Amino acid sequence: VSALLTLLSSFIFLIDKWISLPAVMKCVLCVAAMFTEVPHDMTAQRGQDVEMACSFRGAGMPSYSLEIQWWYIRNHMDWTDQQPWTTNEVSPDEEMPKDATKISVVKVVGSNISHKLRLSRVKQSDEGTYECRVIDFSDVGGARHHRVRAHLQVVPETDVNDNANDDHNGNFEPNNPAPHHGHSHKAKELKRRDSSNDCADEASCAL
């Protein structure tokens, strides 16, 4: 009986310890939460379509909620230089910059989430920093925030087409050349007649 009570006491002690563990530590089969695909810095010409991909794998078991938020932050180099581009966890109460704009929100129930941000016909005002922020609700202690950022630079269209158009316009001739050619033809005939008249009396001109 004494041994049974000791075993029962040990079992209760283990249960108490298990309950006090964080949710992530309880999940023996869980993997570390991480981004599996991240957007990259890119340069696009004005008028092009741009696509940024973001995928995330949560740390908990399935059947919980994940959320992806896309944010646009007008670029401030002094701000971005001080911030890490990718973080495994962000404080939920961390304030976004005043000029940050939420673009889209996607929610799923499961352990994986992905979303592609598509920008059509980008213009100069689209240049800046884009943030993919993932909120992981698997931890009973509270939501965990993760983020990754990429910078988009928008440049003017290349001058190749403009130079080609300039060359084409430089070689362009008017579509009404008839008077010019007619004048040249008459001049040739007049010169030919003058030559004939000049050598009319010369034996060397007679054929």
N, C-alpha and C. Protein backbone atom coordinates (compact mmCIF):
# COMPACT_ATOMS: atom_id res chain seq x y z
N VAL A 1 0.83 -1.20 0.00
CA VAL A 1 0.00 0.00 0.00
C VAL A 1 0.87 1.26 0.00
N SER A 2 1.90 1.24 0.77
CA SER A 2 2.80 2.39 0.83
C SER A 2 3.44 2.67 -0.53
N ALA A 3 3.83 1.59 -1.22
CA ALA A 3 4.45 1.77 -2.54
C ALA A 3 3.44 2.33 -3.54
N LEU A 4 2.19 1.88 -3.42
CA LEU A 4 1.15 2.37 -4.32
C LEU A 4 0.89 3.85 -4.10
N LEU A 5 0.87 4.26 -2.82
CA LEU A 5 0.66 5.68 -2.52
C LEU A 5 1.82 6.54 -3.03
N THR A 6 3.03 6.00 -2.91
CA THR A 6 4.20 6.74 -3.41
C THR A 6 4.12 6.91 -4.93
N LEU A 7 3.71 5.84 -5.62
CA LEU A 7 3.58 5.90 -7.08
C LEU A 7 2.51 6.89 -7.49
N LEU A 8 1.38 6.87 -6.76
CA LEU A 8 0.29 7.79 -7.07
C LEU A 8 0.72 9.23 -6.83
N SER A 9 1.47 9.46 -5.76
CA SER A 9 1.95 10.81 -5.45
C SER A 9 2.89 11.31 -6.54
N SER A 10 3.74 10.42 -7.03
CA SER A 10 4.67 10.80 -8.12
C SER A 10 3.90 11.13 -9.40
N PHE A 11 2.85 10.35 -9.65
CA PHE A 11 2.04 10.57 -10.86
C PHE A 11 1.35 11.93 -10.80
N ILE A 12 0.80 12.27 -9.63
CA ILE A 12 0.14 13.57 -9.46
C ILE A 12 1.14 14.70 -9.62
N PHE A 13 2.35 14.49 -9.11
CA PHE A 13 3.40 15.51 -9.22
C PHE A 13 3.74 15.76 -10.70
N LEU A 14 3.83 14.69 -11.48
CA LEU A 14 4.14 14.83 -12.90
C LEU A 14 3.02 15.55 -13.65
N ILE A 15 1.78 15.24 -13.26
CA ILE A 15 0.65 15.91 -13.90
C ILE A 15 0.68 17.41 -13.62
N ASP A 16 0.97 17.77 -12.39
CA ASP A 16 1.07 19.19 -12.04
C ASP A 16 2.17 19.88 -12.84
N LYS A 17 3.30 19.20 -12.96
CA LYS A 17 4.39 19.77 -13.75
C LYS A 17 3.99 19.93 -15.21
N TRP A 18 3.27 18.94 -15.74
CA TRP A 18 2.85 18.98 -17.14
C TRP A 18 1.90 20.13 -17.40
N ILE A 19 0.98 20.34 -16.47
CA ILE A 19 0.02 21.43 -16.62
C ILE A 19 0.71 22.78 -16.61
N SER A 20 1.75 22.89 -15.83
CA SER A 20 2.44 24.18 -15.71
C SER A 20 3.36 24.48 -16.89
N LEU A 21 3.61 23.49 -17.73
CA LEU A 21 4.49 23.71 -18.88
C LEU A 21 3.81 24.59 -19.92
N PRO A 22 4.57 25.39 -20.68
CA PRO A 22 3.98 26.15 -21.79
C PRO A 22 3.43 25.21 -22.85
N ALA A 23 2.52 25.72 -23.65
CA ALA A 23 1.87 24.89 -24.66
C ALA A 23 2.87 24.31 -25.66
N VAL A 24 3.87 25.10 -26.02
CA VAL A 24 4.84 24.63 -27.02
C VAL A 24 5.65 23.47 -26.48
N MET A 25 5.99 23.48 -25.18
CA MET A 25 6.77 22.41 -24.58
C MET A 25 5.93 21.15 -24.39
N LYS A 26 4.63 21.31 -24.25
CA LYS A 26 3.76 20.14 -24.11
C LYS A 26 3.66 19.36 -25.40
N CYS A 27 3.80 20.05 -26.51
CA CYS A 27 3.62 19.42 -27.81
C CYS A 27 4.92 18.72 -28.21
N VAL A 28 5.00 17.42 -27.95
CA VAL A 28 6.22 16.67 -28.21
C VAL A 28 6.50 16.59 -29.70
N LEU A 29 5.46 16.50 -30.52
CA LEU A 29 5.61 16.32 -31.95
C LEU A 29 5.68 17.64 -32.71
N CYS A 30 5.63 18.73 -32.00
CA CYS A 30 5.62 20.02 -32.67
C CYS A 30 7.00 20.37 -33.23
N VAL A 31 7.01 21.17 -34.27
CA VAL A 31 8.26 21.70 -34.83
C VAL A 31 8.29 23.19 -34.56
N ALA A 32 9.46 23.75 -34.69
CA ALA A 32 9.61 25.18 -34.42
C ALA A 32 8.83 26.00 -35.44
N ALA A 33 8.17 27.04 -34.96
CA ALA A 33 7.47 27.94 -35.87
C ALA A 33 8.49 28.68 -36.72
N MET A 34 8.21 28.79 -38.02
CA MET A 34 9.18 29.43 -38.90
C MET A 34 8.53 29.81 -40.23
N PHE A 35 9.14 30.77 -40.90
CA PHE A 35 8.74 31.11 -42.26
C PHE A 35 9.34 30.09 -43.21
N THR A 36 8.53 29.54 -44.08
CA THR A 36 9.01 28.59 -45.08
C THR A 36 9.22 29.26 -46.44
N GLU A 37 8.67 30.43 -46.61
CA GLU A 37 8.90 31.23 -47.83
C GLU A 37 8.76 32.70 -47.45
N VAL A 38 9.71 33.50 -47.90
CA VAL A 38 9.71 34.91 -47.52
C VAL A 38 9.85 35.79 -48.76
N PRO A 39 9.30 37.00 -48.73
CA PRO A 39 9.50 37.93 -49.84
C PRO A 39 10.93 38.46 -49.83
N HIS A 40 11.41 38.86 -51.00
CA HIS A 40 12.77 39.36 -51.13
C HIS A 40 12.76 40.79 -51.67
N ASP A 41 13.81 41.52 -51.36
CA ASP A 41 13.96 42.86 -51.93
C ASP A 41 13.99 42.75 -53.45
N MET A 42 13.35 43.68 -54.11
CA MET A 42 13.32 43.63 -55.57
C MET A 42 13.25 45.02 -56.17
N THR A 43 13.62 45.09 -57.44
CA THR A 43 13.53 46.32 -58.22
C THR A 43 12.63 46.05 -59.42
N ALA A 44 11.64 46.89 -59.63
CA ALA A 44 10.70 46.71 -60.74
C ALA A 44 10.59 48.00 -61.53
N GLN A 45 10.35 47.85 -62.84
CA GLN A 45 10.13 49.02 -63.68
C GLN A 45 8.69 49.50 -63.50
N ARG A 46 8.51 50.77 -63.67
CA ARG A 46 7.18 51.35 -63.56
C ARG A 46 6.26 50.71 -64.58
N GLY A 47 5.08 50.26 -64.13
CA GLY A 47 4.13 49.61 -65.01
C GLY A 47 4.17 48.10 -64.97
N GLN A 48 5.17 47.52 -64.32
CA GLN A 48 5.26 46.07 -64.22
C GLN A 48 4.36 45.54 -63.11
N ASP A 49 4.06 44.23 -63.17
CA ASP A 49 3.33 43.55 -62.11
C ASP A 49 4.34 42.92 -61.15
N VAL A 50 4.05 43.00 -59.86
CA VAL A 50 4.97 42.51 -58.83
C VAL A 50 4.23 41.51 -57.94
N GLU A 51 4.94 40.46 -57.53
CA GLU A 51 4.35 39.45 -56.66
C GLU A 51 5.31 39.15 -55.51
N MET A 52 4.80 39.13 -54.29
CA MET A 52 5.59 38.79 -53.11
C MET A 52 4.91 37.62 -52.40
N ALA A 53 5.69 36.59 -52.08
CA ALA A 53 5.15 35.39 -51.45
C ALA A 53 5.58 35.30 -49.99
N CYS A 54 4.67 34.78 -49.17
CA CYS A 54 4.96 34.61 -47.74
C CYS A 54 4.26 33.34 -47.26
N SER A 55 5.04 32.42 -46.67
CA SER A 55 4.48 31.17 -46.14
C SER A 55 5.04 30.94 -44.74
N PHE A 56 4.21 30.34 -43.89
CA PHE A 56 4.59 30.17 -42.49
C PHE A 56 4.08 28.83 -41.98
N ARG A 57 4.91 28.18 -41.16
CA ARG A 57 4.51 26.93 -40.51
C ARG A 57 4.46 27.16 -39.01
N GLY A 58 3.31 26.88 -38.42
CA GLY A 58 3.13 27.10 -36.99
C GLY A 58 3.80 26.05 -36.14
N ALA A 59 3.82 26.29 -34.84
CA ALA A 59 4.51 25.39 -33.91
C ALA A 59 3.58 24.38 -33.25
N GLY A 60 2.28 24.60 -33.32
CA GLY A 60 1.35 23.73 -32.62
C GLY A 60 0.77 22.65 -33.51
N MET A 61 -0.12 21.85 -32.94
CA MET A 61 -0.82 20.82 -33.68
C MET A 61 -1.89 21.49 -34.55
N PRO A 62 -2.44 20.76 -35.54
CA PRO A 62 -3.48 21.35 -36.39
C PRO A 62 -4.72 21.76 -35.61
N SER A 63 -5.62 22.38 -36.31
CA SER A 63 -6.89 22.86 -35.78
C SER A 63 -6.74 24.05 -34.85
N TYR A 64 -5.86 24.95 -35.20
CA TYR A 64 -5.81 26.24 -34.53
C TYR A 64 -5.69 27.31 -35.60
N SER A 65 -5.73 28.54 -35.19
CA SER A 65 -5.84 29.63 -36.16
C SER A 65 -4.49 30.31 -36.42
N LEU A 66 -4.26 30.60 -37.70
CA LEU A 66 -3.11 31.40 -38.13
C LEU A 66 -3.64 32.56 -38.96
N GLU A 67 -2.94 33.66 -38.90
CA GLU A 67 -3.37 34.85 -39.64
C GLU A 67 -2.17 35.53 -40.28
N ILE A 68 -2.31 35.89 -41.56
CA ILE A 68 -1.28 36.66 -42.26
C ILE A 68 -1.82 38.06 -42.52
N GLN A 69 -1.01 39.03 -42.17
CA GLN A 69 -1.33 40.43 -42.47
C GLN A 69 -0.23 41.00 -43.36
N TRP A 70 -0.63 41.66 -44.44
CA TRP A 70 0.32 42.38 -45.29
C TRP A 70 0.23 43.87 -44.98
N TRP A 71 1.38 44.47 -44.72
CA TRP A 71 1.45 45.90 -44.42
C TRP A 71 2.36 46.59 -45.43
N TYR A 72 1.99 47.82 -45.78
CA TYR A 72 2.85 48.67 -46.60
C TYR A 72 3.37 49.80 -45.73
N ILE A 73 4.69 49.96 -45.72
CA ILE A 73 5.33 51.01 -44.93
C ILE A 73 6.14 51.87 -45.88
N ARG A 74 5.75 53.12 -46.02
CA ARG A 74 6.51 54.02 -46.89
C ARG A 74 7.94 54.09 -46.38
N ASN A 75 8.87 53.91 -47.28
CA ASN A 75 10.26 53.67 -46.89
C ASN A 75 10.89 54.83 -46.13
N HIS A 76 11.49 54.49 -44.99
CA HIS A 76 12.33 55.42 -44.23
C HIS A 76 13.63 54.68 -43.94
N MET A 77 14.71 55.05 -44.61
CA MET A 77 15.95 54.31 -44.46
C MET A 77 16.46 54.34 -43.02
N ASP A 78 16.29 55.47 -42.34
CA ASP A 78 16.78 55.54 -40.97
C ASP A 78 15.98 54.62 -40.05
N TRP A 79 14.73 54.30 -40.45
CA TRP A 79 13.91 53.39 -39.65
C TRP A 79 14.21 51.94 -40.00
N THR A 80 14.29 51.62 -41.30
CA THR A 80 14.49 50.23 -41.71
C THR A 80 15.87 49.73 -41.34
N ASP A 81 16.86 50.60 -41.31
CA ASP A 81 18.20 50.16 -40.95
C ASP A 81 18.28 49.68 -39.50
N GLN A 82 17.37 50.15 -38.67
CA GLN A 82 17.40 49.79 -37.26
C GLN A 82 16.52 48.58 -36.95
N GLN A 83 15.78 48.10 -37.93
CA GLN A 83 14.85 47.01 -37.69
C GLN A 83 15.31 45.74 -38.41
N PRO A 84 15.24 44.57 -37.74
CA PRO A 84 15.58 43.32 -38.43
C PRO A 84 14.53 42.99 -39.48
N TRP A 85 14.98 42.47 -40.61
CA TRP A 85 14.03 42.17 -41.69
C TRP A 85 13.16 40.97 -41.35
N THR A 86 13.71 39.99 -40.61
CA THR A 86 12.94 38.81 -40.23
C THR A 86 13.08 38.60 -38.73
N THR A 87 11.97 38.37 -38.06
CA THR A 87 12.00 38.10 -36.62
C THR A 87 11.12 36.91 -36.32
N ASN A 88 11.56 36.07 -35.39
CA ASN A 88 10.78 34.90 -35.02
C ASN A 88 9.61 35.26 -34.12
N GLU A 89 9.76 36.34 -33.38
CA GLU A 89 8.66 36.75 -32.51
C GLU A 89 8.71 38.25 -32.29
N VAL A 90 7.57 38.88 -32.39
CA VAL A 90 7.44 40.32 -32.22
C VAL A 90 6.47 40.59 -31.08
N SER A 91 6.75 41.59 -30.32
CA SER A 91 5.83 41.96 -29.24
C SER A 91 4.49 42.39 -29.83
N PRO A 92 3.38 41.81 -29.38
CA PRO A 92 2.06 42.15 -29.94
C PRO A 92 1.71 43.63 -29.83
N ASP A 93 2.22 44.27 -28.78
CA ASP A 93 1.88 45.68 -28.59
C ASP A 93 2.87 46.62 -29.27
N GLU A 94 3.76 46.07 -30.08
CA GLU A 94 4.71 46.92 -30.81
C GLU A 94 3.95 47.78 -31.81
N GLU A 95 4.20 49.05 -31.79
CA GLU A 95 3.47 49.97 -32.66
C GLU A 95 4.08 49.99 -34.06
N MET A 96 3.20 50.00 -35.05
CA MET A 96 3.65 50.14 -36.43
C MET A 96 3.92 51.63 -36.69
N PRO A 97 4.76 51.93 -37.67
CA PRO A 97 5.00 53.34 -38.01
C PRO A 97 3.70 54.04 -38.39
N LYS A 98 3.66 55.34 -38.23
CA LYS A 98 2.44 56.10 -38.50
C LYS A 98 2.01 56.01 -39.96
N ASP A 99 2.99 55.85 -40.86
CA ASP A 99 2.62 55.81 -42.27
C ASP A 99 2.43 54.38 -42.77
N ALA A 100 2.26 53.41 -41.85
CA ALA A 100 2.02 52.02 -42.24
C ALA A 100 0.54 51.83 -42.59
N THR A 101 0.29 51.06 -43.63
CA THR A 101 -1.08 50.80 -44.09
C THR A 101 -1.29 49.30 -44.22
N LYS A 102 -2.35 48.79 -43.59
CA LYS A 102 -2.67 47.37 -43.72
C LYS A 102 -3.30 47.13 -45.09
N ILE A 103 -2.73 46.19 -45.85
CA ILE A 103 -3.20 45.92 -47.21
C ILE A 103 -4.23 44.80 -47.23
N SER A 104 -3.92 43.69 -46.57
CA SER A 104 -4.82 42.54 -46.62
C SER A 104 -4.65 41.67 -45.38
N VAL A 105 -5.67 40.84 -45.12
CA VAL A 105 -5.65 39.91 -43.99
C VAL A 105 -6.20 38.57 -44.47
N VAL A 106 -5.48 37.49 -44.15
CA VAL A 106 -5.91 36.14 -44.51
C VAL A 106 -5.84 35.27 -43.26
N LYS A 107 -6.91 34.51 -42.99
CA LYS A 107 -6.95 33.63 -41.82
C LYS A 107 -7.21 32.20 -42.27
N VAL A 108 -6.57 31.25 -41.57
CA VAL A 108 -6.80 29.83 -41.84
C VAL A 108 -6.86 29.09 -40.51
N VAL A 109 -7.46 27.89 -40.55
CA VAL A 109 -7.43 26.98 -39.41
C VAL A 109 -6.54 25.82 -39.81
N GLY A 110 -5.40 25.69 -39.16
CA GLY A 110 -4.44 24.66 -39.52
C GLY A 110 -3.06 25.05 -39.05
N SER A 111 -2.06 24.30 -39.51
CA SER A 111 -0.69 24.54 -39.05
C SER A 111 0.17 25.25 -40.09
N ASN A 112 -0.37 25.50 -41.28
CA ASN A 112 0.38 26.18 -42.33
C ASN A 112 -0.47 27.27 -42.96
N ILE A 113 0.18 28.33 -43.36
CA ILE A 113 -0.53 29.42 -44.03
C ILE A 113 0.41 30.06 -45.05
N SER A 114 -0.15 30.48 -46.16
CA SER A 114 0.64 31.17 -47.18
C SER A 114 -0.26 32.13 -47.94
N HIS A 115 0.35 33.17 -48.45
CA HIS A 115 -0.40 34.16 -49.21
C HIS A 115 0.56 34.95 -50.09
N LYS A 116 0.11 35.26 -51.30
CA LYS A 116 0.92 36.04 -52.23
C LYS A 116 0.30 37.42 -52.41
N LEU A 117 1.11 38.42 -52.21
CA LEU A 117 0.67 39.80 -52.43
C LEU A 117 0.99 40.17 -53.87
N ARG A 118 -0.03 40.60 -54.60
CA ARG A 118 0.15 40.96 -56.01
C ARG A 118 -0.13 42.45 -56.21
N LEU A 119 0.82 43.11 -56.82
CA LEU A 119 0.70 44.53 -57.14
C LEU A 119 0.70 44.68 -58.65
N SER A 120 -0.35 45.26 -59.19
CA SER A 120 -0.48 45.41 -60.64
C SER A 120 -0.03 46.79 -61.08
N ARG A 121 0.77 46.81 -62.14
CA ARG A 121 1.22 48.06 -62.77
C ARG A 121 1.74 49.04 -61.71
N VAL A 122 2.84 48.65 -61.08
CA VAL A 122 3.38 49.46 -59.98
C VAL A 122 3.77 50.85 -60.46
N LYS A 123 3.66 51.79 -59.56
CA LYS A 123 4.05 53.18 -59.84
C LYS A 123 4.99 53.65 -58.74
N GLN A 124 5.48 54.86 -58.89
CA GLN A 124 6.48 55.36 -57.96
C GLN A 124 5.97 55.37 -56.52
N SER A 125 4.69 55.64 -56.35
CA SER A 125 4.12 55.70 -55.00
C SER A 125 4.04 54.33 -54.33
N ASP A 126 4.24 53.24 -55.09
CA ASP A 126 4.23 51.90 -54.51
C ASP A 126 5.58 51.53 -53.90
N GLU A 127 6.59 52.33 -54.16
CA GLU A 127 7.92 52.03 -53.62
C GLU A 127 7.91 52.14 -52.10
N GLY A 128 8.58 51.20 -51.45
CA GLY A 128 8.64 51.23 -50.00
C GLY A 128 8.88 49.85 -49.42
N THR A 129 8.57 49.68 -48.16
CA THR A 129 8.79 48.43 -47.44
C THR A 129 7.46 47.70 -47.26
N TYR A 130 7.47 46.39 -47.52
CA TYR A 130 6.29 45.56 -47.36
C TYR A 130 6.57 44.51 -46.28
N GLU A 131 5.63 44.39 -45.36
CA GLU A 131 5.80 43.46 -44.23
C GLU A 131 4.74 42.38 -44.26
N CYS A 132 5.20 41.14 -44.15
CA CYS A 132 4.30 40.00 -43.95
C CYS A 132 4.34 39.66 -42.46
N ARG A 133 3.24 39.85 -41.80
CA ARG A 133 3.16 39.60 -40.35
C ARG A 133 2.22 38.42 -40.12
N VAL A 134 2.71 37.42 -39.39
CA VAL A 134 1.92 36.22 -39.08
C VAL A 134 1.61 36.20 -37.60
N ILE A 135 0.34 35.97 -37.28
CA ILE A 135 -0.10 35.84 -35.89
C ILE A 135 -0.46 34.38 -35.64
N ASP A 136 0.25 33.78 -34.70
CA ASP A 136 0.09 32.36 -34.38
C ASP A 136 -0.70 32.25 -33.07
N PHE A 137 -1.90 31.66 -33.17
CA PHE A 137 -2.78 31.55 -32.00
C PHE A 137 -2.68 30.18 -31.31
N SER A 138 -1.62 29.42 -31.59
CA SER A 138 -1.51 28.07 -31.03
C SER A 138 -1.14 28.07 -29.56
N ASP A 139 -0.52 29.12 -29.09
CA ASP A 139 -0.08 29.17 -27.69
C ASP A 139 -1.23 29.67 -26.81
N VAL A 140 -1.59 28.87 -25.81
CA VAL A 140 -2.68 29.27 -24.92
C VAL A 140 -2.30 30.49 -24.10
N GLY A 141 -1.01 30.77 -24.01
CA GLY A 141 -0.56 31.92 -23.24
C GLY A 141 -0.77 33.23 -23.97
N GLY A 142 -1.13 33.16 -25.24
CA GLY A 142 -1.35 34.38 -26.01
C GLY A 142 -0.82 34.24 -27.43
N ALA A 143 -1.28 35.10 -28.29
CA ALA A 143 -0.88 35.04 -29.70
C ALA A 143 0.59 35.44 -29.84
N ARG A 144 1.27 34.78 -30.77
CA ARG A 144 2.65 35.10 -31.07
C ARG A 144 2.72 35.75 -32.45
N HIS A 145 3.45 36.84 -32.54
CA HIS A 145 3.57 37.58 -33.79
C HIS A 145 4.95 37.33 -34.41
N HIS A 146 4.96 37.10 -35.72
CA HIS A 146 6.20 36.90 -36.47
C HIS A 146 6.13 37.80 -37.71
N ARG A 147 7.28 38.25 -38.19
CA ARG A 147 7.24 39.15 -39.34
C ARG A 147 8.47 38.96 -40.22
N VAL A 148 8.30 39.34 -41.47
CA VAL A 148 9.40 39.41 -42.43
C VAL A 148 9.12 40.58 -43.35
N ARG A 149 10.17 41.29 -43.75
CA ARG A 149 10.00 42.49 -44.57
C ARG A 149 10.82 42.41 -45.85
N ALA A 150 10.35 43.12 -46.87
CA ALA A 150 11.08 43.23 -48.13
C ALA A 150 10.87 44.64 -48.68
N HIS A 151 11.87 45.12 -49.39
CA HIS A 151 11.80 46.48 -49.94
C HIS A 151 11.59 46.42 -51.44
N LEU A 152 10.68 47.24 -51.93
CA LEU A 152 10.41 47.35 -53.36
C LEU A 152 10.89 48.70 -53.86
N GLN A 153 11.74 48.66 -54.89
CA GLN A 153 12.20 49.88 -55.54
C GLN A 153 11.58 49.96 -56.93
N VAL A 154 10.99 51.08 -57.25
CA VAL A 154 10.35 51.28 -58.56
C VAL A 154 11.19 52.28 -59.35
N VAL A 155 11.62 51.85 -60.54
CA VAL A 155 12.47 52.70 -61.39
C VAL A 155 11.72 53.02 -62.68
N PRO A 156 12.10 54.10 -63.37
CA PRO A 156 11.46 54.43 -64.65
C PRO A 156 11.73 53.35 -65.68
N GLU A 157 10.90 53.33 -66.72
CA GLU A 157 11.10 52.37 -67.80
C GLU A 157 12.43 52.64 -68.48
N THR A 158 13.02 51.60 -69.06
CA THR A 158 14.31 51.76 -69.73
C THR A 158 14.16 52.64 -70.96
N ASP A 159 15.27 53.25 -71.37
CA ASP A 159 15.26 54.17 -72.50
C ASP A 159 15.47 53.46 -73.83
N VAL A 160 15.48 52.12 -73.83
CA VAL A 160 15.73 51.39 -75.07
C VAL A 160 14.66 51.68 -76.09
N ASN A 161 13.41 51.59 -75.67
CA ASN A 161 12.32 51.84 -76.60
C ASN A 161 12.30 53.30 -77.05
N ASP A 162 12.63 54.20 -76.14
CA ASP A 162 12.64 55.61 -76.50
C ASP A 162 13.71 55.90 -77.55
N ASN A 163 14.90 55.29 -77.40
CA ASN A 163 15.96 55.50 -78.37
C ASN A 163 15.58 54.92 -79.73
N ALA A 164 14.93 53.76 -79.70
CA ALA A 164 14.51 53.15 -80.96
C ALA A 164 13.50 54.04 -81.67
N ASN A 165 12.59 54.62 -80.91
CA ASN A 165 11.60 55.51 -81.52
C ASN A 165 12.26 56.77 -82.08
N ASP A 166 13.28 57.27 -81.37
CA ASP A 166 13.97 58.46 -81.86
C ASP A 166 14.69 58.17 -83.17
N ASP A 167 15.33 57.00 -83.27
CA ASP A 167 16.02 56.63 -84.50
C ASP A 167 15.03 56.49 -85.65
N HIS A 168 13.89 55.91 -85.36
CA HIS A 168 12.88 55.74 -86.39
C HIS A 168 12.37 57.08 -86.88
N ASN A 169 12.13 57.98 -85.95
CA ASN A 169 11.64 59.30 -86.33
C ASN A 169 12.71 60.08 -87.08
N GLY A 170 13.99 59.86 -86.76
CA GLY A 170 15.05 60.58 -87.44
C GLY A 170 15.21 60.16 -88.89
N ASN A 171 14.89 58.90 -89.21
CA ASN A 171 15.01 58.40 -90.58
C ASN A 171 13.73 58.54 -91.36
N PHE A 172 12.74 59.12 -90.76
CA PHE A 172 11.43 59.22 -91.41
C PHE A 172 11.44 60.33 -92.46
N GLU A 173 10.87 60.04 -93.63
CA GLU A 173 10.78 61.02 -94.71
C GLU A 173 9.31 61.31 -94.99
N PRO A 174 9.00 62.49 -95.53
CA PRO A 174 7.61 62.83 -95.85
C PRO A 174 7.04 61.85 -96.86
N ASN A 175 5.72 61.69 -96.82
CA ASN A 175 5.05 60.73 -97.69
C ASN A 175 4.69 61.31 -99.05
N ASN A 176 5.12 62.54 -99.34
CA ASN A 176 4.74 63.16 -100.61
C ASN A 176 6.00 63.58 -101.37
N PRO A 177 6.76 62.56 -101.85
CA PRO A 177 8.02 62.88 -102.51
C PRO A 177 7.87 63.19 -103.98
N ALA A 178 6.65 63.11 -104.54
CA ALA A 178 6.46 63.24 -105.99
C ALA A 178 7.03 64.53 -106.55
N PRO A 179 6.78 65.70 -105.96
CA PRO A 179 7.32 66.93 -106.55
C PRO A 179 8.84 66.91 -106.59
N HIS A 180 9.48 66.36 -105.55
CA HIS A 180 10.93 66.33 -105.51
C HIS A 180 11.48 65.47 -106.63
N HIS A 181 10.89 64.25 -106.78
CA HIS A 181 11.37 63.35 -107.82
C HIS A 181 11.06 63.91 -109.20
N GLY A 182 9.91 64.56 -109.34
CA GLY A 182 9.55 65.14 -110.64
C GLY A 182 10.54 66.22 -111.03
N HIS A 183 10.94 67.05 -110.11
CA HIS A 183 11.90 68.11 -110.39
C HIS A 183 13.24 67.52 -110.79
N SER A 184 13.66 66.46 -110.08
CA SER A 184 14.93 65.82 -110.39
C SER A 184 14.90 65.21 -111.78
N HIS A 185 13.77 64.59 -112.13
CA HIS A 185 13.64 63.96 -113.44
C HIS A 185 13.72 65.00 -114.56
N LYS A 186 13.06 66.14 -114.36
CA LYS A 186 13.10 67.21 -115.36
C LYS A 186 14.50 67.76 -115.49
N ALA A 187 15.21 67.88 -114.37
CA ALA A 187 16.57 68.41 -114.42
C ALA A 187 17.47 67.47 -115.21
N LYS A 188 17.28 66.16 -115.02
CA LYS A 188 18.09 65.20 -115.76
C LYS A 188 17.80 65.28 -117.26
N GLU A 189 16.52 65.40 -117.61
CA GLU A 189 16.16 65.50 -119.03
C GLU A 189 16.75 66.76 -119.64
N LEU A 190 16.68 67.88 -118.89
CA LEU A 190 17.22 69.14 -119.39
C LEU A 190 18.72 69.03 -119.59
N LYS A 191 19.42 68.40 -118.69
CA LYS A 191 20.86 68.24 -118.81
C LYS A 191 21.20 67.36 -120.00
N ARG A 192 20.37 66.30 -120.21
CA ARG A 192 20.62 65.41 -121.33
C ARG A 192 20.44 66.15 -122.65
N ARG A 193 19.40 66.99 -122.74
CA ARG A 193 19.17 67.74 -123.98
C ARG A 193 20.29 68.73 -124.22
N ASP A 194 20.75 69.38 -123.16
CA ASP A 194 21.85 70.33 -123.30
C ASP A 194 23.10 69.64 -123.80
N SER A 195 23.37 68.44 -123.31
CA SER A 195 24.54 67.70 -123.75
C SER A 195 24.43 67.33 -125.21
N SER A 196 23.20 66.93 -125.62
CA SER A 196 22.99 66.57 -127.02
C SER A 196 23.19 67.77 -127.93
N ASN A 197 22.70 68.93 -127.51
CA ASN A 197 22.84 70.13 -128.33
C ASN A 197 24.29 70.57 -128.42
N ASP A 198 25.03 70.39 -127.32
CA ASP A 198 26.43 70.83 -127.33
C ASP A 198 27.26 70.00 -128.29
N CYS A 199 26.98 68.70 -128.41
CA CYS A 199 27.80 67.87 -129.28
C CYS A 199 27.12 67.55 -130.59
N ALA A 200 26.12 68.33 -130.99
CA ALA A 200 25.40 68.02 -132.23
C ALA A 200 26.31 68.10 -133.44
N ASP A 201 27.28 69.05 -133.42
CA ASP A 201 28.13 69.26 -134.59
C ASP A 201 29.48 68.56 -134.45
N GLU A 202 29.68 67.83 -133.32
CA GLU A 202 30.96 67.16 -133.10
C GLU A 202 30.89 65.75 -133.66
N ALA A 203 31.94 65.39 -134.38
CA ALA A 203 31.96 64.04 -134.95
C ALA A 203 32.08 62.99 -133.88
N SER A 204 32.75 63.36 -132.79
CA SER A 204 32.94 62.39 -131.71
C SER A 204 31.64 62.05 -131.03
N CYS A 205 30.61 62.90 -131.18
CA CYS A 205 29.32 62.63 -130.52
C CYS A 205 28.40 61.82 -131.41
N ALA A 206 28.74 61.69 -132.71
CA ALA A 206 27.85 60.97 -133.62
C ALA A 206 28.10 59.48 -133.48
N LEU A 207 27.05 58.70 -133.25
CA LEU A 207 27.17 57.25 -133.10
C LEU A 207 26.33 56.56 -134.16
